[in-house]
N, C-alpha and C. Protein backbone atom coordinates (compact mmCIF):
# COMPACT_ATOMS: atom_id res chain seq x y z
N MET A 1 -153.15 102.97 -38.83
CA MET A 1 -152.85 103.93 -38.27
C MET A 1 -152.72 104.28 -39.72
N PRO A 2 -151.78 105.67 -40.37
CA PRO A 2 -151.88 105.81 -41.54
C PRO A 2 -150.02 105.84 -41.54
N ALA A 3 -150.20 105.88 -43.15
CA ALA A 3 -148.10 106.27 -42.66
C ALA A 3 -147.52 106.95 -42.76
N GLY A 4 -146.13 106.90 -42.03
CA GLY A 4 -145.91 108.35 -41.62
C GLY A 4 -146.24 108.53 -40.34
N SER A 5 -146.62 107.92 -39.23
CA SER A 5 -148.04 108.51 -38.17
C SER A 5 -146.46 107.95 -36.83
N LYS A 6 -146.26 109.12 -36.30
CA LYS A 6 -145.05 108.12 -35.10
C LYS A 6 -145.96 108.38 -34.13
N ILE A 7 -145.58 107.24 -33.48
CA ILE A 7 -145.90 107.23 -31.98
C ILE A 7 -145.39 107.53 -30.41
N THR A 8 -145.62 108.61 -30.03
CA THR A 8 -145.34 109.34 -29.02
C THR A 8 -144.97 108.63 -27.74
N THR A 9 -144.55 109.03 -26.67
CA THR A 9 -144.50 107.94 -25.32
C THR A 9 -145.07 109.61 -24.70
N ASN A 10 -145.65 110.05 -23.88
CA ASN A 10 -146.05 110.35 -22.82
C ASN A 10 -145.04 111.19 -21.41
N PRO A 11 -144.74 111.03 -21.44
CA PRO A 11 -143.12 111.51 -20.25
C PRO A 11 -144.19 111.50 -18.95
N THR A 12 -145.73 112.20 -19.52
CA THR A 12 -146.22 112.69 -17.59
C THR A 12 -146.41 110.75 -16.95
N ALA A 13 -146.90 110.59 -18.55
CA ALA A 13 -147.93 109.41 -18.13
C ALA A 13 -146.89 107.40 -17.51
N ALA A 14 -145.84 107.92 -18.81
CA ALA A 14 -144.58 107.26 -17.75
C ALA A 14 -143.67 107.03 -16.31
N THR A 15 -143.53 108.19 -15.57
CA THR A 15 -143.89 108.64 -14.24
C THR A 15 -144.23 107.95 -13.83
N THR A 16 -145.85 108.75 -14.35
CA THR A 16 -146.40 108.02 -12.84
C THR A 16 -147.16 107.01 -12.73
N MET A 17 -147.22 105.88 -13.73
CA MET A 17 -146.90 104.58 -13.71
C MET A 17 -145.75 104.21 -13.45
N ALA A 18 -144.80 105.04 -13.15
CA ALA A 18 -144.16 104.03 -11.84
C ALA A 18 -143.38 104.66 -10.64
N ALA A 19 -144.59 105.88 -10.36
CA ALA A 19 -144.60 105.96 -9.08
C ALA A 19 -146.27 105.15 -8.36
N ILE A 20 -146.76 104.07 -9.05
CA ILE A 20 -147.56 103.06 -8.61
C ILE A 20 -146.79 101.70 -7.44
N PRO A 21 -147.15 102.13 -6.30
CA PRO A 21 -146.84 101.62 -5.15
C PRO A 21 -147.27 100.14 -6.41
N THR A 22 -145.75 98.67 -6.04
CA THR A 22 -146.29 97.52 -6.10
C THR A 22 -146.33 96.42 -4.81
N ALA A 23 -147.24 95.56 -4.85
CA ALA A 23 -147.36 94.58 -3.56
C ALA A 23 -146.44 94.01 -3.31
N PRO A 24 -146.14 94.11 -1.88
CA PRO A 24 -144.78 93.85 -1.31
C PRO A 24 -144.77 92.28 -1.31
N LYS A 25 -142.97 92.31 -0.70
CA LYS A 25 -143.05 90.58 -1.73
C LYS A 25 -143.47 89.97 -0.77
N PRO A 26 -144.19 88.79 -0.87
CA PRO A 26 -143.96 87.78 0.52
C PRO A 26 -142.48 86.56 0.92
N PRO A 27 -143.09 86.99 2.40
CA PRO A 27 -141.44 86.92 3.01
C PRO A 27 -141.83 85.04 2.23
N ALA A 28 -139.57 85.17 2.33
CA ALA A 28 -139.18 84.07 1.70
C ALA A 28 -139.46 82.68 3.13
N VAL A 29 -139.82 82.21 2.57
CA VAL A 29 -140.31 81.12 2.77
C VAL A 29 -138.70 79.60 3.41
N PRO A 30 -138.65 79.84 4.60
CA PRO A 30 -136.82 79.11 5.09
C PRO A 30 -137.14 77.40 4.18
N GLN A 31 -136.12 77.23 3.99
CA GLN A 31 -135.60 76.32 3.17
C GLN A 31 -135.12 74.52 4.20
N ALA A 32 -135.39 73.63 4.82
CA ALA A 32 -135.27 72.69 5.39
C ALA A 32 -133.83 72.12 4.48
N PRO A 33 -132.80 72.51 5.36
CA PRO A 33 -131.42 72.43 5.32
C PRO A 33 -130.78 70.51 4.07
N ALA A 34 -129.93 70.94 3.42
CA ALA A 34 -130.10 69.84 2.15
C ALA A 34 -130.00 68.31 2.83
N MET A 35 -129.85 67.36 2.92
CA MET A 35 -130.56 66.21 4.01
C MET A 35 -128.82 65.69 3.60
N VAL A 36 -127.71 65.19 3.91
CA VAL A 36 -126.45 64.52 3.71
C VAL A 36 -126.58 63.00 3.39
N ILE A 37 -126.65 62.52 2.61
CA ILE A 37 -126.25 61.03 2.94
C ILE A 37 -125.03 60.58 3.03
N ARG A 38 -124.93 59.76 4.12
CA ARG A 38 -123.28 59.50 3.95
C ARG A 38 -123.47 57.45 3.83
N PRO A 39 -121.97 56.32 2.61
CA PRO A 39 -122.30 55.31 3.07
C PRO A 39 -122.11 54.93 4.65
N ALA A 40 -123.36 53.98 4.45
CA ALA A 40 -123.21 53.03 5.63
C ALA A 40 -121.60 52.66 5.95
N ALA A 41 -121.32 53.05 7.43
CA ALA A 41 -119.96 52.32 7.27
C ALA A 41 -119.43 50.82 7.87
N VAL A 42 -117.81 50.74 6.62
CA VAL A 42 -117.09 49.82 6.33
C VAL A 42 -116.76 48.96 7.77
N VAL A 43 -116.75 47.74 8.31
CA VAL A 43 -116.33 47.63 9.76
C VAL A 43 -115.21 46.53 9.05
N PRO A 44 -113.93 47.17 9.19
CA PRO A 44 -112.89 46.04 9.13
C PRO A 44 -112.89 44.31 9.74
N SER A 45 -112.34 43.90 9.22
CA SER A 45 -112.20 42.61 9.14
C SER A 45 -111.75 41.98 10.45
N SER A 46 -110.45 42.40 10.35
CA SER A 46 -110.33 42.52 11.80
C SER A 46 -110.50 42.03 13.44
N ILE A 47 -111.57 43.02 13.39
CA ILE A 47 -112.91 43.20 14.26
C ILE A 47 -112.49 41.88 15.18
N PRO A 48 -112.46 41.21 16.45
CA PRO A 48 -112.16 39.61 16.26
C PRO A 48 -113.72 39.56 16.53
N VAL A 49 -113.58 38.55 16.70
CA VAL A 49 -115.90 37.61 16.70
C VAL A 49 -115.47 37.13 18.12
N PRO A 50 -116.88 38.30 19.27
CA PRO A 50 -116.76 37.62 20.27
C PRO A 50 -116.92 36.22 20.88
N ALA A 51 -116.65 35.84 21.74
CA ALA A 51 -117.14 33.94 21.47
C ALA A 51 -118.60 33.74 22.38
N PRO A 52 -119.38 33.37 21.80
CA PRO A 52 -120.76 32.89 21.87
C PRO A 52 -121.29 33.09 23.38
N PRO A 53 -122.44 33.35 24.65
CA PRO A 53 -123.01 34.24 25.59
C PRO A 53 -123.10 31.93 25.90
N ILE A 54 -123.05 31.62 24.86
CA ILE A 54 -123.25 29.72 26.07
C ILE A 54 -122.16 28.49 25.35
N THR A 55 -122.45 27.29 25.74
CA THR A 55 -120.87 26.51 25.91
C THR A 55 -121.78 25.86 24.24
N ALA A 56 -120.97 24.96 23.72
CA ALA A 56 -122.01 24.03 22.31
C ALA A 56 -122.98 22.67 23.42
N ALA A 57 -122.55 22.50 24.75
CA ALA A 57 -123.09 21.68 25.09
C ALA A 57 -124.58 22.58 26.16
N GLN A 58 -124.37 23.50 25.93
CA GLN A 58 -125.92 24.30 26.83
C GLN A 58 -126.50 23.95 25.76
N ALA A 59 -126.10 24.92 23.85
CA ALA A 59 -127.01 25.49 22.96
C ALA A 59 -127.55 23.91 22.04
N ALA A 60 -126.67 22.57 23.08
CA ALA A 60 -127.23 21.24 22.09
C ALA A 60 -128.29 20.88 23.18
N GLN A 61 -128.98 21.35 24.73
CA GLN A 61 -129.39 21.04 25.74
C GLN A 61 -130.38 22.20 24.81
N LEU A 62 -130.67 23.22 24.89
CA LEU A 62 -131.80 24.09 24.37
C LEU A 62 -131.96 23.80 23.27
N GLN A 63 -131.26 23.09 21.93
CA GLN A 63 -132.41 22.95 20.57
C GLN A 63 -133.10 21.80 21.64
N GLU A 64 -132.46 20.59 22.54
CA GLU A 64 -133.70 19.31 23.00
C GLU A 64 -134.95 20.21 23.31
N LEU A 65 -134.04 21.17 24.37
CA LEU A 65 -135.20 21.45 25.45
C LEU A 65 -136.62 22.54 24.24
N ASP A 66 -135.90 22.63 22.98
CA ASP A 66 -137.19 23.03 22.03
C ASP A 66 -137.85 22.71 21.33
N ALA A 67 -137.57 22.28 20.87
CA ALA A 67 -137.87 20.73 20.52
C ALA A 67 -139.57 19.84 21.57
N LYS A 68 -138.43 19.73 22.50
CA LYS A 68 -139.87 19.18 23.15
C LYS A 68 -140.69 20.29 23.57
N TYR A 69 -140.59 21.74 23.26
CA TYR A 69 -141.76 23.06 23.58
C TYR A 69 -142.24 23.25 22.70
N SER A 70 -141.84 22.59 21.45
CA SER A 70 -142.46 22.52 19.89
C SER A 70 -143.59 22.18 20.31
N ALA A 71 -142.72 20.53 20.47
CA ALA A 71 -144.04 19.47 20.51
C ALA A 71 -145.20 19.26 21.36
N ASP A 72 -145.13 21.03 22.26
CA ASP A 72 -145.72 20.66 23.49
C ASP A 72 -146.10 19.71 25.16
N GLN A 73 -144.53 18.53 24.52
CA GLN A 73 -144.17 17.81 25.63
C GLN A 73 -143.82 18.47 27.36
N ILE A 74 -143.79 19.39 27.10
CA ILE A 74 -143.48 20.65 28.10
C ILE A 74 -144.22 21.39 28.00
N SER A 75 -144.42 22.59 29.31
CA SER A 75 -146.19 23.43 29.50
C SER A 75 -144.74 24.42 29.46
N PRO A 76 -145.00 25.66 29.18
CA PRO A 76 -144.25 27.29 29.21
C PRO A 76 -143.89 27.60 30.34
N THR A 77 -144.30 27.13 31.67
CA THR A 77 -143.48 27.41 33.03
C THR A 77 -142.48 26.50 32.90
N ASP A 78 -142.83 24.98 32.18
CA ASP A 78 -141.46 23.92 32.79
C ASP A 78 -140.24 24.60 31.37
N TYR A 79 -140.59 25.04 30.45
CA TYR A 79 -140.39 25.31 29.52
C TYR A 79 -138.27 26.86 30.03
N PHE A 80 -139.39 27.65 30.97
CA PHE A 80 -138.57 28.93 31.37
C PHE A 80 -137.97 28.50 32.57
N ILE A 81 -138.25 27.20 33.10
CA ILE A 81 -137.23 26.84 33.77
C ILE A 81 -136.37 26.16 34.25
N GLN A 82 -136.71 25.23 33.38
CA GLN A 82 -135.78 24.54 32.24
C GLN A 82 -134.33 24.65 31.62
N ARG A 83 -134.60 26.30 30.63
CA ARG A 83 -134.32 26.84 29.99
C ARG A 83 -132.92 28.01 31.27
N GLU A 84 -133.94 28.12 32.36
CA GLU A 84 -133.32 29.08 32.97
C GLU A 84 -131.66 28.11 33.80
N ALA A 85 -131.93 26.57 34.10
CA ALA A 85 -131.07 26.05 34.24
C ALA A 85 -130.24 25.52 33.72
N ILE A 86 -130.27 25.59 32.81
CA ILE A 86 -129.32 25.20 31.75
C ILE A 86 -128.27 26.59 31.09
N LEU A 87 -128.66 27.64 31.42
CA LEU A 87 -127.92 28.93 30.94
C LEU A 87 -127.57 29.07 32.00
N LYS A 88 -127.58 28.56 33.32
CA LYS A 88 -126.35 28.94 34.82
C LYS A 88 -126.27 27.66 35.13
N GLY A 89 -125.60 27.11 33.89
CA GLY A 89 -124.74 26.36 34.48
C GLY A 89 -125.40 24.21 34.81
N GLN A 90 -126.32 24.59 35.28
CA GLN A 90 -126.80 23.54 36.07
C GLN A 90 -127.17 22.13 35.42
């Protein structure tokens, strides 16, 4: 471009460019709500621990029964019959 030249704009061309329609915006994608992470509930130590459902004698009998069953000294049927009797307190 020669020195001293001026660049001019064509006002008609500028308005023509503005009149060209643009592509419509895509619909907004719904965002999932942010997950909220809360700390686990703290259990106070003042809550009493419930008594076990079986007595110490029953627990000992069940341990002996489990040992017999693990050593294949009694059948599964006998195991469950004897276990039920121990838990019923017989």
